[in-house]
Amino acid sequence: MVASGIARRLPGLAVAAAMVAAGCGKSDSQLPELPPPPVSVSQPVVREVVDHDDYEGRIAAVDTVDVRARVRGHLTKVKFKDGQIVKKGDLLFEIDPKLYKAEVDVAEAALKQAQA
């Protein structure tokens, strides 16, 4: 059986070997030699170079704080400037005390009435 398998493949192997042998020969046609391509040459330029980079972007503070009112009233003074560094407990605003003074007076009057 092995011999019959080789016998079946023998004509295909012979054709493949003939094609390889035909492709290995020297070719009679020669390509014409081309002239070298033109090359331009420039001289180096000596000058001072400043090393810098330009970037487009947005700059934002690392730490930010939102200031929200916890009470109602009119501001009479602002005790800080934009961009100033503030610490915990610093006085930032003064609110008009008239409204709160009136509420305290009402509460004190209600207390005295209740005591009487």
N, C-alpha and C. Protein backbone atom coordinates (compact mmCIF):
# COMPACT_ATOMS: atom_id res chain seq x y z
N MET A 1 0.80 -1.18 0.00
CA MET A 1 0.00 0.00 0.00
C MET A 1 0.85 1.26 0.00
N VAL A 2 1.95 1.20 0.70
CA VAL A 2 2.82 2.35 0.73
C VAL A 2 3.40 2.60 -0.64
N ALA A 3 3.76 1.58 -1.34
CA ALA A 3 4.33 1.74 -2.67
C ALA A 3 3.31 2.31 -3.64
N SER A 4 2.06 1.93 -3.52
CA SER A 4 1.04 2.45 -4.43
C SER A 4 0.79 3.94 -4.18
N GLY A 5 0.90 4.41 -2.90
CA GLY A 5 0.73 5.83 -2.60
C GLY A 5 1.85 6.65 -3.20
N ILE A 6 3.07 6.14 -3.17
CA ILE A 6 4.21 6.85 -3.77
C ILE A 6 4.07 6.88 -5.28
N ALA A 7 3.60 5.81 -5.85
CA ALA A 7 3.43 5.73 -7.29
C ALA A 7 2.40 6.74 -7.78
N ARG A 8 1.37 6.97 -7.00
CA ARG A 8 0.37 7.94 -7.40
C ARG A 8 0.91 9.36 -7.33
N ARG A 9 1.79 9.62 -6.42
CA ARG A 9 2.32 10.98 -6.27
C ARG A 9 3.52 11.27 -7.17
N LEU A 10 4.13 10.28 -7.72
CA LEU A 10 5.35 10.43 -8.51
C LEU A 10 5.19 11.35 -9.72
N PRO A 11 4.12 11.29 -10.50
CA PRO A 11 4.02 12.22 -11.64
C PRO A 11 3.91 13.67 -11.17
N GLY A 12 3.19 13.95 -10.07
CA GLY A 12 3.07 15.32 -9.57
C GLY A 12 4.40 15.84 -9.07
N LEU A 13 5.20 14.99 -8.42
CA LEU A 13 6.52 15.40 -7.92
C LEU A 13 7.47 15.68 -9.08
N ALA A 14 7.35 14.91 -10.16
CA ALA A 14 8.22 15.12 -11.32
C ALA A 14 7.91 16.46 -11.98
N VAL A 15 6.63 16.80 -12.07
CA VAL A 15 6.25 18.08 -12.67
C VAL A 15 6.75 19.24 -11.79
N ALA A 16 6.62 19.13 -10.47
CA ALA A 16 7.07 20.18 -9.57
C ALA A 16 8.58 20.35 -9.65
N ALA A 17 9.33 19.26 -9.74
CA ALA A 17 10.79 19.33 -9.84
C ALA A 17 11.20 19.98 -11.15
N ALA A 18 10.48 19.73 -12.23
CA ALA A 18 10.80 20.32 -13.52
C ALA A 18 10.55 21.82 -13.50
N MET A 19 9.52 22.26 -12.81
CA MET A 19 9.22 23.69 -12.72
C MET A 19 10.28 24.42 -11.91
N VAL A 20 10.73 23.79 -10.82
CA VAL A 20 11.77 24.41 -9.99
C VAL A 20 13.06 24.51 -10.77
N ALA A 21 13.40 23.50 -11.50
CA ALA A 21 14.64 23.50 -12.28
C ALA A 21 14.58 24.55 -13.38
N ALA A 22 13.44 24.76 -13.99
CA ALA A 22 13.31 25.74 -15.06
C ALA A 22 13.42 27.16 -14.51
N GLY A 23 12.96 27.38 -13.28
CA GLY A 23 13.00 28.72 -12.70
C GLY A 23 14.37 29.10 -12.18
N CYS A 24 15.30 28.15 -12.03
CA CYS A 24 16.61 28.45 -11.46
C CYS A 24 17.64 28.87 -12.49
N GLY A 25 17.32 28.81 -13.73
CA GLY A 25 18.29 29.16 -14.77
C GLY A 25 18.48 30.66 -14.87
N LYS A 26 19.59 31.08 -15.58
CA LYS A 26 19.84 32.50 -15.80
C LYS A 26 18.89 33.03 -16.83
N SER A 27 18.49 34.25 -16.62
CA SER A 27 17.58 34.85 -17.57
C SER A 27 18.39 35.61 -18.61
N ASP A 28 17.93 35.60 -19.84
CA ASP A 28 18.65 36.26 -20.92
C ASP A 28 18.36 37.76 -20.95
N SER A 29 17.21 38.17 -20.46
CA SER A 29 16.87 39.58 -20.53
C SER A 29 17.53 40.32 -19.36
N GLN A 30 18.16 41.43 -19.68
CA GLN A 30 18.80 42.25 -18.65
C GLN A 30 18.05 43.58 -18.56
N LEU A 31 17.89 44.06 -17.33
CA LEU A 31 17.23 45.33 -17.13
C LEU A 31 18.20 46.45 -17.46
N PRO A 32 17.70 47.53 -18.08
CA PRO A 32 18.61 48.65 -18.37
C PRO A 32 19.02 49.33 -17.07
N GLU A 33 20.24 49.75 -17.00
CA GLU A 33 20.75 50.41 -15.79
C GLU A 33 20.24 51.84 -15.76
N LEU A 34 19.62 52.23 -14.63
CA LEU A 34 19.07 53.57 -14.47
C LEU A 34 20.12 54.49 -13.86
N PRO A 35 20.10 55.77 -14.24
CA PRO A 35 21.04 56.71 -13.63
C PRO A 35 20.63 56.97 -12.18
N PRO A 36 21.55 57.35 -11.32
CA PRO A 36 21.20 57.62 -9.92
C PRO A 36 20.24 58.82 -9.83
N PRO A 37 19.33 58.80 -8.86
CA PRO A 37 18.37 59.90 -8.73
C PRO A 37 19.08 61.18 -8.27
N PRO A 38 18.55 62.35 -8.64
CA PRO A 38 19.17 63.60 -8.20
C PRO A 38 18.99 63.80 -6.70
N VAL A 39 20.03 64.30 -6.04
CA VAL A 39 20.01 64.51 -4.60
C VAL A 39 20.39 65.95 -4.33
N SER A 40 19.61 66.64 -3.45
CA SER A 40 19.97 68.01 -3.09
C SER A 40 20.71 67.98 -1.76
N VAL A 41 21.64 68.90 -1.58
CA VAL A 41 22.45 68.97 -0.37
C VAL A 41 22.34 70.38 0.19
N SER A 42 22.18 70.49 1.52
CA SER A 42 22.15 71.80 2.15
C SER A 42 23.18 71.82 3.28
N GLN A 43 23.66 73.01 3.55
CA GLN A 43 24.66 73.18 4.60
C GLN A 43 23.96 73.37 5.94
N PRO A 44 24.55 72.89 7.04
CA PRO A 44 23.93 73.07 8.36
C PRO A 44 23.94 74.54 8.78
N VAL A 45 22.92 74.94 9.55
CA VAL A 45 22.80 76.31 10.02
C VAL A 45 23.08 76.32 11.52
N VAL A 46 23.94 77.23 11.96
CA VAL A 46 24.26 77.36 13.37
C VAL A 46 23.47 78.55 13.93
N ARG A 47 22.63 78.29 14.95
CA ARG A 47 21.87 79.36 15.58
C ARG A 47 21.48 78.92 16.99
N GLU A 48 21.09 79.91 17.81
CA GLU A 48 20.68 79.63 19.18
C GLU A 48 19.22 79.19 19.17
N VAL A 49 18.92 78.12 19.90
CA VAL A 49 17.57 77.58 19.97
C VAL A 49 17.07 77.71 21.41
N VAL A 50 15.89 78.31 21.57
CA VAL A 50 15.27 78.43 22.88
C VAL A 50 14.33 77.26 23.07
N ASP A 51 14.55 76.50 24.13
CA ASP A 51 13.75 75.31 24.38
C ASP A 51 12.49 75.69 25.13
N HIS A 52 11.32 75.58 24.50
CA HIS A 52 10.05 75.87 25.15
C HIS A 52 8.95 75.07 24.47
N ASP A 53 7.87 74.88 25.19
CA ASP A 53 6.71 74.16 24.68
C ASP A 53 5.47 75.01 24.90
N ASP A 54 4.56 74.98 23.97
CA ASP A 54 3.27 75.66 24.10
C ASP A 54 2.19 74.60 24.27
N TYR A 55 1.36 74.77 25.28
CA TYR A 55 0.26 73.85 25.52
C TYR A 55 -1.03 74.63 25.64
N GLU A 56 -2.08 74.07 25.12
CA GLU A 56 -3.40 74.66 25.29
C GLU A 56 -4.12 73.86 26.36
N GLY A 57 -4.81 74.55 27.24
CA GLY A 57 -5.52 73.83 28.29
C GLY A 57 -6.23 74.78 29.21
N ARG A 58 -6.69 74.24 30.30
CA ARG A 58 -7.42 75.01 31.29
C ARG A 58 -6.72 74.83 32.63
N ILE A 59 -6.57 75.92 33.35
CA ILE A 59 -5.93 75.88 34.64
C ILE A 59 -7.01 75.99 35.71
N ALA A 60 -6.96 75.11 36.69
CA ALA A 60 -7.94 75.13 37.77
C ALA A 60 -7.22 74.90 39.09
N ALA A 61 -7.79 75.43 40.15
CA ALA A 61 -7.20 75.27 41.48
C ALA A 61 -7.26 73.81 41.91
N VAL A 62 -6.28 73.40 42.69
CA VAL A 62 -6.26 72.04 43.20
C VAL A 62 -7.36 71.86 44.24
N ASP A 63 -7.45 72.80 45.17
CA ASP A 63 -8.48 72.75 46.21
C ASP A 63 -9.45 73.91 46.02
N THR A 64 -10.72 73.60 45.98
CA THR A 64 -11.73 74.65 45.86
C THR A 64 -12.77 74.46 46.94
N VAL A 65 -13.46 75.52 47.26
CA VAL A 65 -14.49 75.50 48.29
C VAL A 65 -15.71 76.23 47.77
N ASP A 66 -16.87 75.66 47.97
CA ASP A 66 -18.12 76.34 47.65
C ASP A 66 -18.62 77.01 48.91
N VAL A 67 -18.87 78.31 48.84
CA VAL A 67 -19.40 79.06 49.97
C VAL A 67 -20.90 79.18 49.78
N ARG A 68 -21.65 78.62 50.73
CA ARG A 68 -23.11 78.66 50.66
C ARG A 68 -23.65 79.31 51.92
N ALA A 69 -24.66 80.10 51.76
CA ALA A 69 -25.27 80.77 52.90
C ALA A 69 -26.08 79.77 53.71
N ARG A 70 -25.93 79.83 55.02
CA ARG A 70 -26.72 78.99 55.92
C ARG A 70 -27.83 79.80 56.58
N VAL A 71 -27.75 81.12 56.45
CA VAL A 71 -28.77 82.01 57.01
C VAL A 71 -29.12 83.06 55.97
N ARG A 72 -30.24 83.75 56.19
CA ARG A 72 -30.67 84.80 55.27
C ARG A 72 -30.22 86.15 55.82
N GLY A 73 -30.02 87.09 54.96
CA GLY A 73 -29.67 88.43 55.39
C GLY A 73 -28.87 89.15 54.33
N HIS A 74 -28.64 90.44 54.57
CA HIS A 74 -27.86 91.25 53.65
C HIS A 74 -26.43 91.34 54.16
N LEU A 75 -25.49 91.22 53.23
CA LEU A 75 -24.07 91.33 53.61
C LEU A 75 -23.70 92.79 53.79
N THR A 76 -23.03 93.08 54.90
CA THR A 76 -22.56 94.45 55.13
C THR A 76 -21.08 94.56 54.83
N LYS A 77 -20.31 93.48 55.05
CA LYS A 77 -18.86 93.49 54.78
C LYS A 77 -18.41 92.14 54.27
N VAL A 78 -17.44 92.16 53.38
CA VAL A 78 -16.77 90.96 52.93
C VAL A 78 -15.35 91.05 53.48
N LYS A 79 -14.93 90.05 54.25
CA LYS A 79 -13.66 90.12 54.98
C LYS A 79 -12.51 89.38 54.27
N PHE A 80 -12.65 89.06 53.01
CA PHE A 80 -11.57 88.40 52.29
C PHE A 80 -11.56 88.89 50.85
N LYS A 81 -10.45 88.65 50.16
CA LYS A 81 -10.31 89.01 48.74
C LYS A 81 -10.30 87.74 47.92
N ASP A 82 -10.75 87.83 46.67
CA ASP A 82 -10.74 86.67 45.79
C ASP A 82 -9.32 86.13 45.66
N GLY A 83 -9.18 84.83 45.81
CA GLY A 83 -7.87 84.19 45.68
C GLY A 83 -7.07 84.15 46.97
N GLN A 84 -7.55 84.81 48.01
CA GLN A 84 -6.84 84.83 49.28
C GLN A 84 -6.97 83.46 49.96
N ILE A 85 -5.92 83.04 50.62
CA ILE A 85 -5.96 81.78 51.36
C ILE A 85 -6.64 82.04 52.70
N VAL A 86 -7.64 81.26 53.02
CA VAL A 86 -8.35 81.39 54.29
C VAL A 86 -8.22 80.10 55.07
N LYS A 87 -8.33 80.22 56.38
CA LYS A 87 -8.21 79.05 57.24
C LYS A 87 -9.55 78.79 57.91
N LYS A 88 -9.66 77.62 58.47
CA LYS A 88 -10.89 77.25 59.17
C LYS A 88 -11.10 78.21 60.33
N GLY A 89 -12.32 78.74 60.43
CA GLY A 89 -12.65 79.65 61.51
C GLY A 89 -12.47 81.12 61.18
N ASP A 90 -11.87 81.45 60.01
CA ASP A 90 -11.70 82.86 59.63
C ASP A 90 -13.07 83.49 59.34
N LEU A 91 -13.23 84.75 59.72
CA LEU A 91 -14.45 85.50 59.44
C LEU A 91 -14.42 85.90 57.97
N LEU A 92 -15.44 85.49 57.23
CA LEU A 92 -15.49 85.77 55.80
C LEU A 92 -16.46 86.91 55.47
N PHE A 93 -17.63 86.92 56.10
CA PHE A 93 -18.66 87.92 55.81
C PHE A 93 -19.23 88.45 57.12
N GLU A 94 -19.78 89.66 57.05
CA GLU A 94 -20.60 90.20 58.13
C GLU A 94 -21.99 90.43 57.57
N ILE A 95 -23.00 89.93 58.30
CA ILE A 95 -24.38 90.05 57.87
C ILE A 95 -25.05 91.15 58.70
N ASP A 96 -25.94 91.90 58.07
CA ASP A 96 -26.67 92.99 58.74
C ASP A 96 -27.39 92.43 59.97
N PRO A 97 -27.05 92.90 61.18
CA PRO A 97 -27.62 92.32 62.40
C PRO A 97 -29.03 92.80 62.72
N LYS A 98 -29.58 93.77 62.00
CA LYS A 98 -30.91 94.33 62.34
C LYS A 98 -32.00 93.27 62.34
N LEU A 99 -32.02 92.41 61.33
CA LEU A 99 -33.06 91.38 61.23
C LEU A 99 -32.96 90.41 62.41
N TYR A 100 -31.76 90.01 62.75
CA TYR A 100 -31.57 89.05 63.85
C TYR A 100 -31.84 89.70 65.21
N LYS A 101 -31.49 90.96 65.35
CA LYS A 101 -31.77 91.69 66.59
C LYS A 101 -33.29 91.77 66.81
N ALA A 102 -34.03 92.00 65.75
CA ALA A 102 -35.49 92.06 65.85
C ALA A 102 -36.06 90.71 66.26
N GLU A 103 -35.52 89.62 65.69
CA GLU A 103 -36.00 88.28 66.06
C GLU A 103 -35.67 87.96 67.52
N VAL A 104 -34.50 88.38 68.00
CA VAL A 104 -34.13 88.16 69.40
C VAL A 104 -35.08 88.96 70.30
N ASP A 105 -35.38 90.19 69.93
CA ASP A 105 -36.30 91.01 70.73
C ASP A 105 -37.68 90.37 70.81
N VAL A 106 -38.16 89.82 69.71
CA VAL A 106 -39.47 89.15 69.69
C VAL A 106 -39.43 87.93 70.61
N ALA A 107 -38.34 87.14 70.52
CA ALA A 107 -38.23 85.94 71.35
C ALA A 107 -38.15 86.30 72.84
N GLU A 108 -37.41 87.37 73.17
CA GLU A 108 -37.30 87.79 74.56
C GLU A 108 -38.66 88.28 75.09
N ALA A 109 -39.41 88.99 74.25
CA ALA A 109 -40.74 89.48 74.64
C ALA A 109 -41.70 88.30 74.88
N ALA A 110 -41.61 87.28 74.01
CA ALA A 110 -42.46 86.10 74.18
C ALA A 110 -42.08 85.37 75.47
N LEU A 111 -40.79 85.34 75.82
CA LEU A 111 -40.34 84.70 77.05
C LEU A 111 -40.88 85.45 78.27
N LYS A 112 -40.77 86.78 78.25
CA LYS A 112 -41.27 87.59 79.37
C LYS A 112 -42.79 87.47 79.53
N GLN A 113 -43.48 87.37 78.40
CA GLN A 113 -44.94 87.22 78.45
C GLN A 113 -45.29 85.87 79.06
N ALA A 114 -44.51 84.83 78.68
CA ALA A 114 -44.79 83.50 79.21
C ALA A 114 -44.48 83.44 80.70
N GLN A 115 -43.47 84.17 81.14
CA GLN A 115 -43.11 84.17 82.55
C GLN A 115 -44.15 84.96 83.38
N ALA A 116 -44.78 85.95 82.79
CA ALA A 116 -45.75 86.78 83.52
C ALA A 116 -47.02 86.03 83.63
